[in-house]
Amino acid sequence: THPSVTRALNTKFHDWLSTWASKNVADSQHRLCQDWLMGRYENLIPQRTRVITDNDQSRTPYRSYNRYRVERLVKADSEAEAT
């Protein structure tokens, strides 16, 4: 069935990704990427990033996954000039 094939391919991909990342990505690099994604990095516009977990396993991709919602904490210069 489509759900079982999707889950099997996802498992296969994540196994490959985990193996590749353990050989090619240092822990410090992984932390830097996570911090950048969550907006905790120098010289970024002040923002709040929320992680929204979707757990509906009855719809594709038939597993939990995260979505990210970014809220700017200050208006950009072009937005401030328009108001």
PDB file of N, CA and C in Angstrom:
ATOM      1  N   THR A   1       0.838  -1.190   0.000  1.00  0.00           N
ATOM      2  CA  THR A   1       0.000   0.000   0.000  1.00  0.00           C
ATOM      3  C   THR A   1       0.879   1.248   0.000  1.00  0.00           C
ATOM      4  N   HIS A   2       0.278   2.353  -0.396  1.00  0.00           N
ATOM      5  CA  HIS A   2       1.031   3.608  -0.460  1.00  0.00           C
ATOM      6  C   HIS A   2       1.628   4.000   0.892  1.00  0.00           C
ATOM      7  N   PRO A   3       0.879   3.937   1.992  1.00  0.00           N
ATOM      8  CA  PRO A   3       1.483   4.298   3.286  1.00  0.00           C
ATOM      9  C   PRO A   3       2.689   3.434   3.655  1.00  0.00           C
ATOM     10  N   SER A   4       2.615   2.133   3.426  1.00  0.00           N
ATOM     11  CA  SER A   4       3.741   1.275   3.812  1.00  0.00           C
ATOM     12  C   SER A   4       4.960   1.524   2.925  1.00  0.00           C
ATOM     13  N   VAL A   5       4.751   1.763   1.639  1.00  0.00           N
ATOM     14  CA  VAL A   5       5.867   2.076   0.735  1.00  0.00           C
ATOM     15  C   VAL A   5       6.497   3.404   1.139  1.00  0.00           C
ATOM     16  N   THR A   6       5.660   4.396   1.427  1.00  0.00           N
ATOM     17  CA  THR A   6       6.161   5.711   1.834  1.00  0.00           C
ATOM     18  C   THR A   6       6.985   5.610   3.108  1.00  0.00           C
ATOM     19  N   ARG A   7       6.482   4.883   4.092  1.00  0.00           N
ATOM     20  CA  ARG A   7       7.222   4.715   5.358  1.00  0.00           C
ATOM     21  C   ARG A   7       8.544   3.983   5.131  1.00  0.00           C
ATOM     22  N   ALA A   8       8.536   2.945   4.298  1.00  0.00           N
ATOM     23  CA  ALA A   8       9.757   2.183   4.031  1.00  0.00           C
ATOM     24  C   ALA A   8      10.806   3.054   3.345  1.00  0.00           C
ATOM     25  N   LEU A   9      10.386   3.829   2.352  1.00  0.00           N
ATOM     26  CA  LEU A   9      11.331   4.708   1.658  1.00  0.00           C
ATOM     27  C   LEU A   9      11.855   5.796   2.587  1.00  0.00           C
ATOM     28  N   ASN A  10      10.987   6.314   3.452  1.00  0.00           N
ATOM     29  CA  ASN A  10      11.418   7.333   4.403  1.00  0.00           C
ATOM     30  C   ASN A  10      12.445   6.768   5.375  1.00  0.00           C
ATOM     31  N   THR A  11      12.207   5.566   5.867  1.00  0.00           N
ATOM     32  CA  THR A  11      13.154   4.914   6.777  1.00  0.00           C
ATOM     33  C   THR A  11      14.492   4.690   6.082  1.00  0.00           C
ATOM     34  N   LYS A  12      14.444   4.215   4.841  1.00  0.00           N
ATOM     35  CA  LYS A  12      15.672   3.977   4.077  1.00  0.00           C
ATOM     36  C   LYS A  12      16.451   5.280   3.887  1.00  0.00           C
ATOM     37  N   PHE A  13      15.738   6.359   3.525  1.00  0.00           N
ATOM     38  CA  PHE A  13      16.398   7.646   3.329  1.00  0.00           C
ATOM     39  C   PHE A  13      17.025   8.146   4.622  1.00  0.00           C
ATOM     40  N   HIS A  14      16.292   8.088   5.736  1.00  0.00           N
ATOM     41  CA  HIS A  14      16.830   8.596   6.995  1.00  0.00           C
ATOM     42  C   HIS A  14      17.993   7.750   7.504  1.00  0.00           C
ATOM     43  N   ASP A  15      17.986   6.460   7.236  1.00  0.00           N
ATOM     44  CA  ASP A  15      19.143   5.622   7.577  1.00  0.00           C
ATOM     45  C   ASP A  15      20.367   6.069   6.785  1.00  0.00           C
ATOM     46  N   TRP A  16      20.180   6.306   5.475  1.00  0.00           N
ATOM     47  CA  TRP A  16      21.292   6.777   4.644  1.00  0.00           C
ATOM     48  C   TRP A  16      21.776   8.143   5.124  1.00  0.00           C
ATOM     49  N   LEU A  17      20.839   9.052   5.378  1.00  0.00           N
ATOM     50  CA  LEU A  17      21.196  10.400   5.813  1.00  0.00           C
ATOM     51  C   LEU A  17      21.962  10.375   7.126  1.00  0.00           C
ATOM     52  N   SER A  18      21.520   9.565   8.056  1.00  0.00           N
ATOM     53  CA  SER A  18      22.197   9.461   9.345  1.00  0.00           C
ATOM     54  C   SER A  18      23.634   8.962   9.173  1.00  0.00           C
ATOM     55  N   THR A  19      23.818   7.951   8.343  1.00  0.00           N
ATOM     56  CA  THR A  19      25.162   7.416   8.080  1.00  0.00           C
ATOM     57  C   THR A  19      26.037   8.470   7.415  1.00  0.00           C
ATOM     58  N   TRP A  20      25.496   9.147   6.397  1.00  0.00           N
ATOM     59  CA  TRP A  20      26.259  10.176   5.692  1.00  0.00           C
ATOM     60  C   TRP A  20      26.628  11.313   6.633  1.00  0.00           C
ATOM     61  N   ALA A  21      25.668  11.785   7.411  1.00  0.00           N
ATOM     62  CA  ALA A  21      25.913  12.916   8.309  1.00  0.00           C
ATOM     63  C   ALA A  21      26.945  12.562   9.373  1.00  0.00           C
ATOM     64  N   SER A  22      26.919  11.341   9.879  1.00  0.00           N
ATOM     65  CA  SER A  22      27.896  10.959  10.904  1.00  0.00           C
ATOM     66  C   SER A  22      29.317  10.964  10.349  1.00  0.00           C
ATOM     67  N   LYS A  23      29.474  10.745   9.047  1.00  0.00           N
ATOM     68  CA  LYS A  23      30.797  10.746   8.423  1.00  0.00           C
ATOM     69  C   LYS A  23      31.218  12.131   7.934  1.00  0.00           C
ATOM     70  N   ASN A  24      30.263  13.002   7.605  1.00  0.00           N
ATOM     71  CA  ASN A  24      30.580  14.249   6.914  1.00  0.00           C
ATOM     72  C   ASN A  24      30.225  15.538   7.642  1.00  0.00           C
ATOM     73  N   VAL A  25      29.483  15.454   8.735  1.00  0.00           N
ATOM     74  CA  VAL A  25      29.039  16.656   9.431  1.00  0.00           C
ATOM     75  C   VAL A  25      29.480  16.584  10.888  1.00  0.00           C
ATOM     76  N   ALA A  26      30.280  17.561  11.300  1.00  0.00           N
ATOM     77  CA  ALA A  26      30.721  17.617  12.695  1.00  0.00           C
ATOM     78  C   ALA A  26      29.556  18.064  13.578  1.00  0.00           C
ATOM     79  N   ASP A  27      29.605  17.688  14.861  1.00  0.00           N
ATOM     80  CA  ASP A  27      28.553  18.093  15.802  1.00  0.00           C
ATOM     81  C   ASP A  27      28.402  19.609  15.843  1.00  0.00           C
ATOM     82  N   SER A  28      29.536  20.319  15.787  1.00  0.00           N
ATOM     83  CA  SER A  28      29.479  21.783  15.832  1.00  0.00           C
ATOM     84  C   SER A  28      28.767  22.338  14.591  1.00  0.00           C
ATOM     85  N   GLN A  29      28.985  21.720  13.435  1.00  0.00           N
ATOM     86  CA  GLN A  29      28.301  22.153  12.216  1.00  0.00           C
ATOM     87  C   GLN A  29      26.796  21.903  12.319  1.00  0.00           C
ATOM     88  N   HIS A  30      26.436  20.773  12.873  1.00  0.00           N
ATOM     89  CA  HIS A  30      25.013  20.454  13.046  1.00  0.00           C
ATOM     90  C   HIS A  30      24.349  21.467  13.974  1.00  0.00           C
ATOM     91  N   ARG A  31      25.018  21.803  15.082  1.00  0.00           N
ATOM     92  CA  ARG A  31      24.466  22.787  16.022  1.00  0.00           C
ATOM     93  C   ARG A  31      24.343  24.155  15.365  1.00  0.00           C
ATOM     94  N   LEU A  32      25.347  24.561  14.573  1.00  0.00           N
ATOM     95  CA  LEU A  32      25.277  25.840  13.865  1.00  0.00           C
ATOM     96  C   LEU A  32      24.073  25.892  12.924  1.00  0.00           C
ATOM     97  N   CYS A  33      23.837  24.819  12.197  1.00  0.00           N
ATOM     98  CA  CYS A  33      22.689  24.778  11.280  1.00  0.00           C
ATOM     99  C   CYS A  33      21.375  24.852  12.046  1.00  0.00           C
ATOM    100  N   GLN A  34      21.278  24.130  13.149  1.00  0.00           N
ATOM    101  CA  GLN A  34      20.059  24.169  13.959  1.00  0.00           C
ATOM    102  C   GLN A  34      19.833  25.573  14.518  1.00  0.00           C
ATOM    103  N   ASP A  35      20.893  26.201  15.012  1.00  0.00           N
ATOM    104  CA  ASP A  35      20.771  27.556  15.555  1.00  0.00           C
ATOM    105  C   ASP A  35      20.347  28.542  14.473  1.00  0.00           C
ATOM    106  N   TRP A  36      20.907  28.406  13.271  1.00  0.00           N
ATOM    107  CA  TRP A  36      20.532  29.289  12.170  1.00  0.00           C
ATOM    108  C   TRP A  36      19.057  29.099  11.825  1.00  0.00           C
ATOM    109  N   LEU A  37      18.632  27.847  11.716  1.00  0.00           N
ATOM    110  CA  LEU A  37      17.241  27.559  11.371  1.00  0.00           C
ATOM    111  C   LEU A  37      16.274  28.136  12.401  1.00  0.00           C
ATOM    112  N   MET A  38      16.647  28.095  13.662  1.00  0.00           N
ATOM    113  CA  MET A  38      15.775  28.591  14.729  1.00  0.00           C
ATOM    114  C   MET A  38      15.953  30.085  14.976  1.00  0.00           C
ATOM    115  N   GLY A  39      16.817  30.748  14.192  1.00  0.00           N
ATOM    116  CA  GLY A  39      16.980  32.193  14.309  1.00  0.00           C
ATOM    117  C   GLY A  39      17.916  32.617  15.420  1.00  0.00           C
ATOM    118  N   ARG A  40      18.695  31.694  15.943  1.00  0.00           N
ATOM    119  CA  ARG A  40      19.643  32.009  17.014  1.00  0.00           C
ATOM    120  C   ARG A  40      21.048  32.131  16.413  1.00  0.00           C
ATOM    121  N   TYR A  41      21.241  33.191  15.644  1.00  0.00           N
ATOM    122  CA  TYR A  41      22.508  33.371  14.941  1.00  0.00           C
ATOM    123  C   TYR A  41      22.765  34.859  14.809  1.00  0.00           C
ATOM    124  N   GLU A  42      24.033  35.239  14.783  1.00  0.00           N
ATOM    125  CA  GLU A  42      24.395  36.652  14.695  1.00  0.00           C
ATOM    126  C   GLU A  42      23.914  37.260  13.377  1.00  0.00           C
ATOM    127  N   ASN A  43      23.638  38.558  13.421  1.00  0.00           N
ATOM    128  CA  ASN A  43      23.297  39.370  12.250  1.00  0.00           C
ATOM    129  C   ASN A  43      22.009  38.945  11.541  1.00  0.00           C
ATOM    130  N   LEU A  44      21.112  38.284  12.247  1.00  0.00           N
ATOM    131  CA  LEU A  44      19.799  37.981  11.681  1.00  0.00           C
ATOM    132  C   LEU A  44      18.794  38.993  12.202  1.00  0.00           C
ATOM    133  N   ILE A  45      17.749  39.235  11.448  1.00  0.00           N
ATOM    134  CA  ILE A  45      16.674  40.101  11.919  1.00  0.00           C
ATOM    135  C   ILE A  45      16.077  39.449  13.161  1.00  0.00           C
ATOM    136  N   PRO A  46      15.845  40.215  14.224  1.00  0.00           N
ATOM    137  CA  PRO A  46      15.263  39.617  15.432  1.00  0.00           C
ATOM    138  C   PRO A  46      13.939  38.920  15.110  1.00  0.00           C
ATOM    139  N   GLN A  47      13.838  37.676  15.557  1.00  0.00           N
ATOM    140  CA  GLN A  47      12.669  36.881  15.219  1.00  0.00           C
ATOM    141  C   GLN A  47      12.412  35.821  16.270  1.00  0.00           C
ATOM    142  N   ARG A  48      11.219  35.277  16.222  1.00  0.00           N
ATOM    143  CA  ARG A  48      10.856  34.151  17.074  1.00  0.00           C
ATOM    144  C   ARG A  48      10.436  33.031  16.132  1.00  0.00           C
ATOM    145  N   THR A  49      11.057  31.871  16.264  1.00  0.00           N
ATOM    146  CA  THR A  49      10.726  30.730  15.421  1.00  0.00           C
ATOM    147  C   THR A  49      10.027  29.682  16.271  1.00  0.00           C
ATOM    148  N   ARG A  50       8.846  29.295  15.833  1.00  0.00           N
ATOM    149  CA  ARG A  50       8.095  28.256  16.541  1.00  0.00           C
ATOM    150  C   ARG A  50       8.119  26.978  15.713  1.00  0.00           C
ATOM    151  N   VAL A  51       8.287  25.856  16.397  1.00  0.00           N
ATOM    152  CA  VAL A  51       8.238  24.550  15.749  1.00  0.00           C
ATOM    153  C   VAL A  51       6.824  24.005  15.932  1.00  0.00           C
ATOM    154  N   ILE A  52       6.196  23.651  14.834  1.00  0.00           N
ATOM    155  CA  ILE A  52       4.848  23.094  14.867  1.00  0.00           C
ATOM    156  C   ILE A  52       4.947  21.651  14.380  1.00  0.00           C
ATOM    157  N   THR A  53       4.629  20.708  15.255  1.00  0.00           N
ATOM    158  CA  THR A  53       4.715  19.293  14.907  1.00  0.00           C
ATOM    159  C   THR A  53       3.370  18.810  14.382  1.00  0.00           C
ATOM    160  N   ASP A  54       3.399  18.218  13.208  1.00  0.00           N
ATOM    161  CA  ASP A  54       2.196  17.653  12.603  1.00  0.00           C
ATOM    162  C   ASP A  54       2.233  16.145  12.828  1.00  0.00           C
ATOM    163  N   ASN A  55       1.252  15.630  13.559  1.00  0.00           N
ATOM    164  CA  ASN A  55       1.229  14.211  13.918  1.00  0.00           C
ATOM    165  C   ASN A  55       0.160  13.407  13.189  1.00  0.00           C
ATOM    166  N   ASP A  56      -0.448  13.964  12.143  1.00  0.00           N
ATOM    167  CA  ASP A  56      -1.512  13.248  11.442  1.00  0.00           C
ATOM    168  C   ASP A  56      -0.902  12.137  10.596  1.00  0.00           C
ATOM    169  N   GLN A  57      -0.919  10.920  11.124  1.00  0.00           N
ATOM    170  CA  GLN A  57      -0.274   9.801  10.444  1.00  0.00           C
ATOM    171  C   GLN A  57      -1.191   9.121   9.434  1.00  0.00           C
ATOM    172  N   SER A  58      -2.391   9.672   9.248  1.00  0.00           N
ATOM    173  CA  SER A  58      -3.309   9.094   8.267  1.00  0.00           C
ATOM    174  C   SER A  58      -3.146   9.745   6.894  1.00  0.00           C
ATOM    175  N   ARG A  59      -2.359  10.836   6.841  1.00  0.00           N
ATOM    176  CA  ARG A  59      -2.113  11.534   5.578  1.00  0.00           C
ATOM    177  C   ARG A  59      -0.635  11.437   5.231  1.00  0.00           C
ATOM    178  N   THR A  60      -0.356  11.586   3.937  1.00  0.00           N
ATOM    179  CA  THR A  60       1.038  11.584   3.518  1.00  0.00           C
ATOM    180  C   THR A  60       1.776  12.711   4.228  1.00  0.00           C
ATOM    181  N   PRO A  61       2.951  12.532   4.730  1.00  0.00           N
ATOM    182  CA  PRO A  61       3.912  11.450   4.544  1.00  0.00           C
ATOM    183  C   PRO A  61       3.799  10.313   5.556  1.00  0.00           C
ATOM    184  N   TYR A  62       2.664  10.196   6.247  1.00  0.00           N
ATOM    185  CA  TYR A  62       2.382   9.079   7.149  1.00  0.00           C
ATOM    186  C   TYR A  62       3.380   8.966   8.295  1.00  0.00           C
ATOM    187  N   ARG A  63       3.815  10.098   8.777  1.00  0.00           N
ATOM    188  CA  ARG A  63       4.725  10.168   9.926  1.00  0.00           C
ATOM    189  C   ARG A  63       4.658  11.578  10.495  1.00  0.00           C
ATOM    190  N   SER A  64       5.208  11.755  11.672  1.00  0.00           N
ATOM    191  CA  SER A  64       5.279  13.091  12.269  1.00  0.00           C
ATOM    192  C   SER A  64       6.350  13.902  11.554  1.00  0.00           C
ATOM    193  N   TYR A  65       6.103  15.186  11.413  1.00  0.00           N
ATOM    194  CA  TYR A  65       7.121  16.072  10.853  1.00  0.00           C
ATOM    195  C   TYR A  65       6.924  17.459  11.431  1.00  0.00           C
ATOM    196  N   ASN A  66       7.963  18.275  11.326  1.00  0.00           N
ATOM    197  CA  ASN A  66       7.930  19.628  11.873  1.00  0.00           C
ATOM    198  C   ASN A  66       7.775  20.656  10.766  1.00  0.00           C
ATOM    199  N   ARG A  67       6.990  21.678  11.089  1.00  0.00           N
ATOM    200  CA  ARG A  67       6.901  22.874  10.258  1.00  0.00           C
ATOM    201  C   ARG A  67       7.401  24.017  11.128  1.00  0.00           C
ATOM    202  N   TYR A  68       7.850  25.082  10.509  1.00  0.00           N
ATOM    203  CA  TYR A  68       8.417  26.203  11.253  1.00  0.00           C
ATOM    204  C   TYR A  68       7.656  27.476  10.911  1.00  0.00           C
ATOM    205  N   ARG A  69       7.315  28.246  11.938  1.00  0.00           N
ATOM    206  CA  ARG A  69       6.630  29.520  11.748  1.00  0.00           C
ATOM    207  C   ARG A  69       7.527  30.604  12.330  1.00  0.00           C
ATOM    208  N   VAL A  70       7.854  31.590  11.506  1.00  0.00           N
ATOM    209  CA  VAL A  70       8.760  32.663  11.918  1.00  0.00           C
ATOM    210  C   VAL A  70       7.964  33.941  12.111  1.00  0.00           C
ATOM    211  N   GLU A  71       8.179  34.585  13.244  1.00  0.00           N
ATOM    212  CA  GLU A  71       7.539  35.863  13.544  1.00  0.00           C
ATOM    213  C   GLU A  71       8.644  36.893  13.754  1.00  0.00           C
ATOM    214  N   ARG A  72       8.654  37.913  12.909  1.00  0.00           N
ATOM    215  CA  ARG A  72       9.650  38.979  13.080  1.00  0.00           C
ATOM    216  C   ARG A  72       9.296  39.801  14.299  1.00  0.00           C
ATOM    217  N   LEU A  73      10.310  40.169  15.066  1.00  0.00           N
ATOM    218  CA  LEU A  73      10.080  40.942  16.279  1.00  0.00           C
ATOM    219  C   LEU A  73      10.201  42.438  16.041  1.00  0.00           C
ATOM    220  N   VAL A  74      10.812  42.826  14.925  1.00  0.00           N
ATOM    221  CA  VAL A  74      10.892  44.242  14.547  1.00  0.00           C
ATOM    222  C   VAL A  74      10.503  44.340  13.076  1.00  0.00           C
ATOM    223  N   LYS A  75       9.974  45.489  12.692  1.00  0.00           N
ATOM    224  CA  LYS A  75       9.617  45.687  11.288  1.00  0.00           C
ATOM    225  C   LYS A  75      10.874  45.941  10.469  1.00  0.00           C
ATOM    226  N   ALA A  76      10.872  45.457   9.240  1.00  0.00           N
ATOM    227  CA  ALA A  76      11.976  45.738   8.325  1.00  0.00           C
ATOM    228  C   ALA A  76      11.934  47.218   7.960  1.00  0.00           C
ATOM    229  N   ASP A  77      13.064  47.790   7.539  1.00  0.00           N
ATOM    230  CA  ASP A  77      13.149  49.214   7.196  1.00  0.00           C
ATOM    231  C   ASP A  77      12.090  49.614   6.168  1.00  0.00           C
ATOM    232  N   SER A  78      11.900  48.813   5.131  1.00  0.00           N
ATOM    233  CA  SER A  78      10.927  49.157   4.089  1.00  0.00           C
ATOM    234  C   SER A  78       9.502  49.149   4.644  1.00  0.00           C
ATOM    235  N   GLU A  79       9.204  48.273   5.593  1.00  0.00           N
ATOM    236  CA  GLU A  79       7.875  48.238   6.205  1.00  0.00           C
ATOM    237  C   GLU A  79       7.679  49.434   7.122  1.00  0.00           C
ATOM    238  N   ALA A  80       8.731  49.830   7.832  1.00  0.00           N
ATOM    239  CA  ALA A  80       8.637  50.953   8.764  1.00  0.00           C
ATOM    240  C   ALA A  80       8.413  52.264   8.002  1.00  0.00           C
ATOM    241  N   GLU A  81       9.053  52.410   6.829  1.00  0.00           N
ATOM    242  CA  GLU A  81       8.899  53.627   6.037  1.00  0.00           C
ATOM    243  C   GLU A  81       7.496  53.734   5.449  1.00  0.00           C
ATOM    244  N   ALA A  82       6.868  52.603   5.156  1.00  0.00           N
ATOM    245  CA  ALA A  82       5.542  52.600   4.540  1.00  0.00           C
ATOM    246  C   ALA A  82       4.455  53.009   5.535  1.00  0.00           C
ATOM    247  N   THR A  83       4.714  52.871   6.834  1.00  0.00           N
ATOM    248  CA  THR A  83       3.682  53.212   7.827  1.00  0.00           C
ATOM    249  C   THR A  83       3.835  54.601   8.353  1.00  0.00           C
TER     250      THR A  83
END
